[in-house]
């Protein structure tokens, strides 16, 4: 199941509510670089692929906007590595 993750650009956040729990991916945007700082999924709804959906949506948004990405969040960093180069073009040089 792919979730319809919502982008909240005014809050610099991607979010999804699962069973009443807010799940988020936070970022900063500086000079065309999306700096992903945090991904948070409450334990009560963990293990459902929500963090992956948040990361995928954020990375696809970065691609659509022509932004580079700096994954400071350890989850997103690992997610990008697991995708076997699918997002390497987004990495900030």
N, C-alpha and C. Protein backbone atom coordinates (compact mmCIF):
# COMPACT_ATOMS: atom_id res chain seq x y z
N UNK A 1 0.84 -1.18 0.00
CA UNK A 1 0.00 0.00 0.00
C UNK A 1 0.88 1.25 0.00
N UNK A 2 0.66 2.12 -0.95
CA UNK A 2 1.37 3.39 -0.98
C UNK A 2 0.45 4.45 -0.42
N UNK A 3 0.96 5.17 0.54
CA UNK A 3 0.16 6.20 1.21
C UNK A 3 0.23 7.52 0.45
N UNK A 4 -0.81 8.30 0.56
CA UNK A 4 -0.84 9.64 -0.03
C UNK A 4 -0.26 10.63 0.97
N UNK A 5 1.06 10.57 1.13
CA UNK A 5 1.77 11.43 2.07
C UNK A 5 1.56 12.88 1.66
N UNK A 6 1.32 13.72 2.64
CA UNK A 6 1.07 15.14 2.39
C UNK A 6 2.35 15.96 2.59
N UNK A 7 2.62 16.86 1.64
CA UNK A 7 3.75 17.78 1.77
C UNK A 7 3.21 19.08 2.35
N UNK A 8 3.81 19.53 3.42
CA UNK A 8 3.45 20.79 4.07
C UNK A 8 4.64 21.74 3.92
N UNK A 9 4.81 22.38 2.75
CA UNK A 9 6.01 23.20 2.53
C UNK A 9 6.16 24.36 3.51
N UNK A 10 5.06 24.91 3.99
CA UNK A 10 5.15 25.99 4.97
C UNK A 10 5.74 25.54 6.29
N UNK A 11 5.59 24.24 6.59
CA UNK A 11 6.16 23.66 7.82
C UNK A 11 7.46 22.90 7.54
N UNK A 12 7.86 22.83 6.26
CA UNK A 12 9.04 22.06 5.84
C UNK A 12 8.93 20.62 6.36
N UNK A 13 7.82 20.00 5.97
CA UNK A 13 7.50 18.68 6.52
C UNK A 13 6.66 17.87 5.53
N UNK A 14 6.90 16.56 5.54
CA UNK A 14 6.01 15.60 4.90
C UNK A 14 5.34 14.86 6.04
N UNK A 15 4.05 14.57 5.89
CA UNK A 15 3.36 13.92 7.01
C UNK A 15 2.29 12.96 6.54
N UNK A 16 1.98 12.05 7.46
CA UNK A 16 0.94 11.05 7.27
C UNK A 16 0.38 10.74 8.66
N UNK A 17 -0.93 10.59 8.76
CA UNK A 17 -1.53 10.19 10.03
C UNK A 17 -2.01 8.75 9.88
N UNK A 18 -1.49 7.90 10.74
CA UNK A 18 -1.82 6.47 10.74
C UNK A 18 -2.48 6.12 12.06
N UNK A 19 -3.71 5.69 12.00
CA UNK A 19 -4.44 5.32 13.23
C UNK A 19 -4.35 6.41 14.30
N UNK A 20 -4.45 7.66 13.87
CA UNK A 20 -4.42 8.78 14.80
C UNK A 20 -3.04 9.25 15.22
N UNK A 21 -1.99 8.62 14.70
CA UNK A 21 -0.61 8.98 15.07
C UNK A 21 0.04 9.76 13.93
N UNK A 22 0.58 10.93 14.25
CA UNK A 22 1.25 11.76 13.26
C UNK A 22 2.65 11.21 13.00
N UNK A 23 2.95 10.97 11.73
CA UNK A 23 4.26 10.49 11.28
C UNK A 23 4.84 11.57 10.39
N UNK A 24 6.11 11.90 10.56
CA UNK A 24 6.68 13.06 9.87
C UNK A 24 8.08 12.81 9.32
N UNK A 25 8.41 13.59 8.31
CA UNK A 25 9.77 13.74 7.83
C UNK A 25 10.00 15.24 7.74
N UNK A 26 10.97 15.75 8.48
CA UNK A 26 11.26 17.18 8.53
C UNK A 26 12.50 17.50 7.72
N UNK A 27 12.51 18.68 7.13
CA UNK A 27 13.65 19.10 6.32
C UNK A 27 13.83 20.62 6.39
N UNK A 28 14.98 21.05 5.94
CA UNK A 28 15.27 22.46 5.71
C UNK A 28 15.58 22.58 4.22
N UNK A 29 15.29 23.72 3.64
CA UNK A 29 15.62 23.95 2.24
C UNK A 29 16.52 25.17 2.16
N UNK A 30 17.77 24.94 1.77
CA UNK A 30 18.76 26.02 1.72
C UNK A 30 19.44 25.98 0.35
N UNK A 31 19.23 27.04 -0.41
CA UNK A 31 19.91 27.16 -1.70
C UNK A 31 19.68 25.98 -2.63
N UNK A 32 18.47 25.47 -2.70
CA UNK A 32 18.17 24.36 -3.59
C UNK A 32 18.61 23.00 -3.06
N UNK A 33 18.96 22.93 -1.78
CA UNK A 33 19.34 21.66 -1.16
C UNK A 33 18.34 21.34 -0.06
N UNK A 34 17.69 20.18 -0.19
CA UNK A 34 16.79 19.68 0.85
C UNK A 34 17.63 18.94 1.88
N UNK A 35 17.72 19.51 3.06
CA UNK A 35 18.48 18.88 4.15
C UNK A 35 17.47 18.15 5.02
N UNK A 36 17.46 16.83 4.90
CA UNK A 36 16.49 16.02 5.64
C UNK A 36 17.05 15.78 7.04
N UNK A 37 16.33 16.29 8.03
CA UNK A 37 16.85 16.31 9.40
C UNK A 37 16.26 15.24 10.32
N UNK A 38 15.05 14.78 10.02
CA UNK A 38 14.39 13.89 10.98
C UNK A 38 13.24 13.14 10.32
N UNK A 39 13.13 11.87 10.65
CA UNK A 39 11.96 11.08 10.29
C UNK A 39 11.44 10.48 11.58
N UNK A 40 10.15 10.66 11.84
CA UNK A 40 9.58 10.15 13.08
C UNK A 40 8.29 9.40 12.85
N UNK A 41 8.29 8.15 13.28
CA UNK A 41 7.10 7.30 13.23
C UNK A 41 6.91 6.73 14.63
N UNK A 42 5.79 7.05 15.28
CA UNK A 42 5.57 6.53 16.64
C UNK A 42 5.62 4.99 16.66
N UNK A 43 6.14 4.48 17.75
CA UNK A 43 6.29 3.04 17.92
C UNK A 43 4.98 2.28 17.70
N UNK A 44 3.87 2.89 18.10
CA UNK A 44 2.56 2.24 17.99
C UNK A 44 2.19 1.88 16.55
N UNK A 45 2.78 2.61 15.58
CA UNK A 45 2.46 2.32 14.18
C UNK A 45 3.72 1.99 13.38
N UNK A 46 4.78 1.66 14.07
CA UNK A 46 6.04 1.30 13.42
C UNK A 46 5.94 -0.03 12.69
N UNK A 47 6.86 -0.25 11.77
CA UNK A 47 6.94 -1.52 11.06
C UNK A 47 5.92 -1.67 9.94
N UNK A 48 5.29 -0.58 9.55
CA UNK A 48 4.27 -0.65 8.49
C UNK A 48 4.74 -0.02 7.18
N UNK A 49 6.01 0.37 7.11
CA UNK A 49 6.52 0.98 5.89
C UNK A 49 6.24 2.47 5.76
N UNK A 50 5.80 3.08 6.85
CA UNK A 50 5.45 4.50 6.80
C UNK A 50 6.68 5.36 6.56
N UNK A 51 7.77 5.09 7.26
CA UNK A 51 8.99 5.88 7.09
C UNK A 51 9.48 5.78 5.64
N UNK A 52 9.39 4.62 5.04
CA UNK A 52 9.80 4.45 3.64
C UNK A 52 8.93 5.29 2.72
N UNK A 53 7.64 5.32 2.98
CA UNK A 53 6.74 6.15 2.16
C UNK A 53 7.04 7.63 2.32
N UNK A 54 7.35 8.05 3.54
CA UNK A 54 7.73 9.45 3.77
C UNK A 54 9.02 9.77 3.01
N UNK A 55 10.01 8.90 3.11
CA UNK A 55 11.29 9.12 2.44
C UNK A 55 11.10 9.15 0.93
N UNK A 56 10.39 8.19 0.39
CA UNK A 56 10.16 8.11 -1.06
C UNK A 56 9.49 9.39 -1.57
N UNK A 57 8.47 9.83 -0.87
CA UNK A 57 7.75 11.03 -1.29
C UNK A 57 8.65 12.26 -1.23
N UNK A 58 9.44 12.38 -0.18
CA UNK A 58 10.36 13.52 -0.06
C UNK A 58 11.39 13.50 -1.19
N UNK A 59 11.95 12.35 -1.47
CA UNK A 59 12.97 12.25 -2.51
C UNK A 59 12.39 12.50 -3.90
N UNK A 60 11.21 12.00 -4.15
CA UNK A 60 10.56 12.25 -5.44
C UNK A 60 10.20 13.73 -5.58
N UNK A 61 9.80 14.36 -4.49
CA UNK A 61 9.53 15.80 -4.52
C UNK A 61 10.80 16.58 -4.83
N UNK A 62 11.90 16.19 -4.19
CA UNK A 62 13.19 16.84 -4.46
C UNK A 62 13.54 16.72 -5.93
N UNK A 63 13.35 15.55 -6.49
CA UNK A 63 13.65 15.33 -7.92
C UNK A 63 12.77 16.22 -8.80
N UNK A 64 11.49 16.26 -8.51
CA UNK A 64 10.55 17.08 -9.29
C UNK A 64 10.90 18.57 -9.23
N UNK A 65 11.39 19.01 -8.07
CA UNK A 65 11.71 20.43 -7.87
C UNK A 65 13.12 20.78 -8.33
N UNK A 66 13.92 19.78 -8.67
CA UNK A 66 15.30 20.03 -9.08
C UNK A 66 16.23 20.32 -7.92
N UNK A 67 15.84 19.84 -6.71
CA UNK A 67 16.66 20.05 -5.52
C UNK A 67 17.67 18.92 -5.37
N UNK A 68 18.79 19.21 -4.74
CA UNK A 68 19.73 18.19 -4.28
C UNK A 68 19.30 17.81 -2.86
N UNK A 69 19.86 16.71 -2.36
CA UNK A 69 19.46 16.21 -1.04
C UNK A 69 20.70 15.96 -0.18
N UNK A 70 20.61 16.37 1.07
CA UNK A 70 21.62 16.03 2.09
C UNK A 70 20.88 15.29 3.19
N UNK A 71 21.00 13.94 3.25
CA UNK A 71 20.26 13.16 4.25
C UNK A 71 20.98 13.10 5.60
N UNK A 72 20.72 14.08 6.46
CA UNK A 72 21.30 14.05 7.80
C UNK A 72 20.59 13.03 8.68
N UNK A 73 19.35 12.75 8.36
CA UNK A 73 18.57 11.73 9.09
C UNK A 73 19.14 10.35 8.76
N UNK A 74 19.48 9.58 9.77
CA UNK A 74 20.09 8.27 9.54
C UNK A 74 19.15 7.31 8.80
N UNK A 75 17.84 7.43 9.04
CA UNK A 75 16.91 6.55 8.35
C UNK A 75 16.93 6.84 6.84
N UNK A 76 16.84 8.10 6.47
CA UNK A 76 16.80 8.45 5.04
C UNK A 76 18.14 8.11 4.38
N UNK A 77 19.23 8.33 5.08
CA UNK A 77 20.54 7.97 4.55
C UNK A 77 20.57 6.47 4.22
N UNK A 78 20.13 5.64 5.16
CA UNK A 78 20.11 4.19 4.94
C UNK A 78 19.11 3.82 3.84
N UNK A 79 17.96 4.47 3.82
CA UNK A 79 16.95 4.20 2.79
C UNK A 79 17.53 4.45 1.40
N UNK A 80 18.24 5.57 1.25
CA UNK A 80 18.82 5.89 -0.06
C UNK A 80 19.85 4.84 -0.47
N UNK A 81 20.66 4.38 0.46
CA UNK A 81 21.66 3.36 0.14
C UNK A 81 20.99 2.04 -0.25
N UNK A 82 19.89 1.70 0.40
CA UNK A 82 19.18 0.45 0.09
C UNK A 82 18.54 0.46 -1.30
N UNK A 83 18.34 1.63 -1.86
CA UNK A 83 17.68 1.74 -3.16
C UNK A 83 18.64 1.53 -4.33
N UNK A 84 19.87 1.15 -4.03
CA UNK A 84 20.88 0.77 -5.04
C UNK A 84 21.07 1.82 -6.13
N UNK A 85 21.28 3.03 -5.71
CA UNK A 85 21.63 4.08 -6.65
C UNK A 85 20.46 4.84 -7.27
N UNK A 86 19.24 4.45 -6.96
CA UNK A 86 18.07 5.09 -7.57
C UNK A 86 18.00 6.59 -7.28
N UNK A 87 18.61 7.01 -6.18
CA UNK A 87 18.55 8.42 -5.80
C UNK A 87 19.92 9.08 -5.77
N UNK A 88 20.95 8.41 -6.28
CA UNK A 88 22.29 8.98 -6.26
C UNK A 88 22.38 10.32 -6.96
N UNK A 89 21.56 10.53 -7.99
CA UNK A 89 21.58 11.80 -8.71
C UNK A 89 21.14 12.97 -7.84
N UNK A 90 20.46 12.67 -6.75
CA UNK A 90 19.97 13.72 -5.87
C UNK A 90 20.98 14.14 -4.82
N UNK A 91 21.98 13.31 -4.56
CA UNK A 91 22.91 13.60 -3.48
C UNK A 91 23.71 14.87 -3.77
N UNK A 92 23.78 15.70 -2.75
CA UNK A 92 24.57 16.92 -2.85
C UNK A 92 26.03 16.54 -3.01
N UNK A 93 26.69 17.19 -3.94
CA UNK A 93 28.12 16.88 -4.21
C UNK A 93 29.01 17.36 -3.09
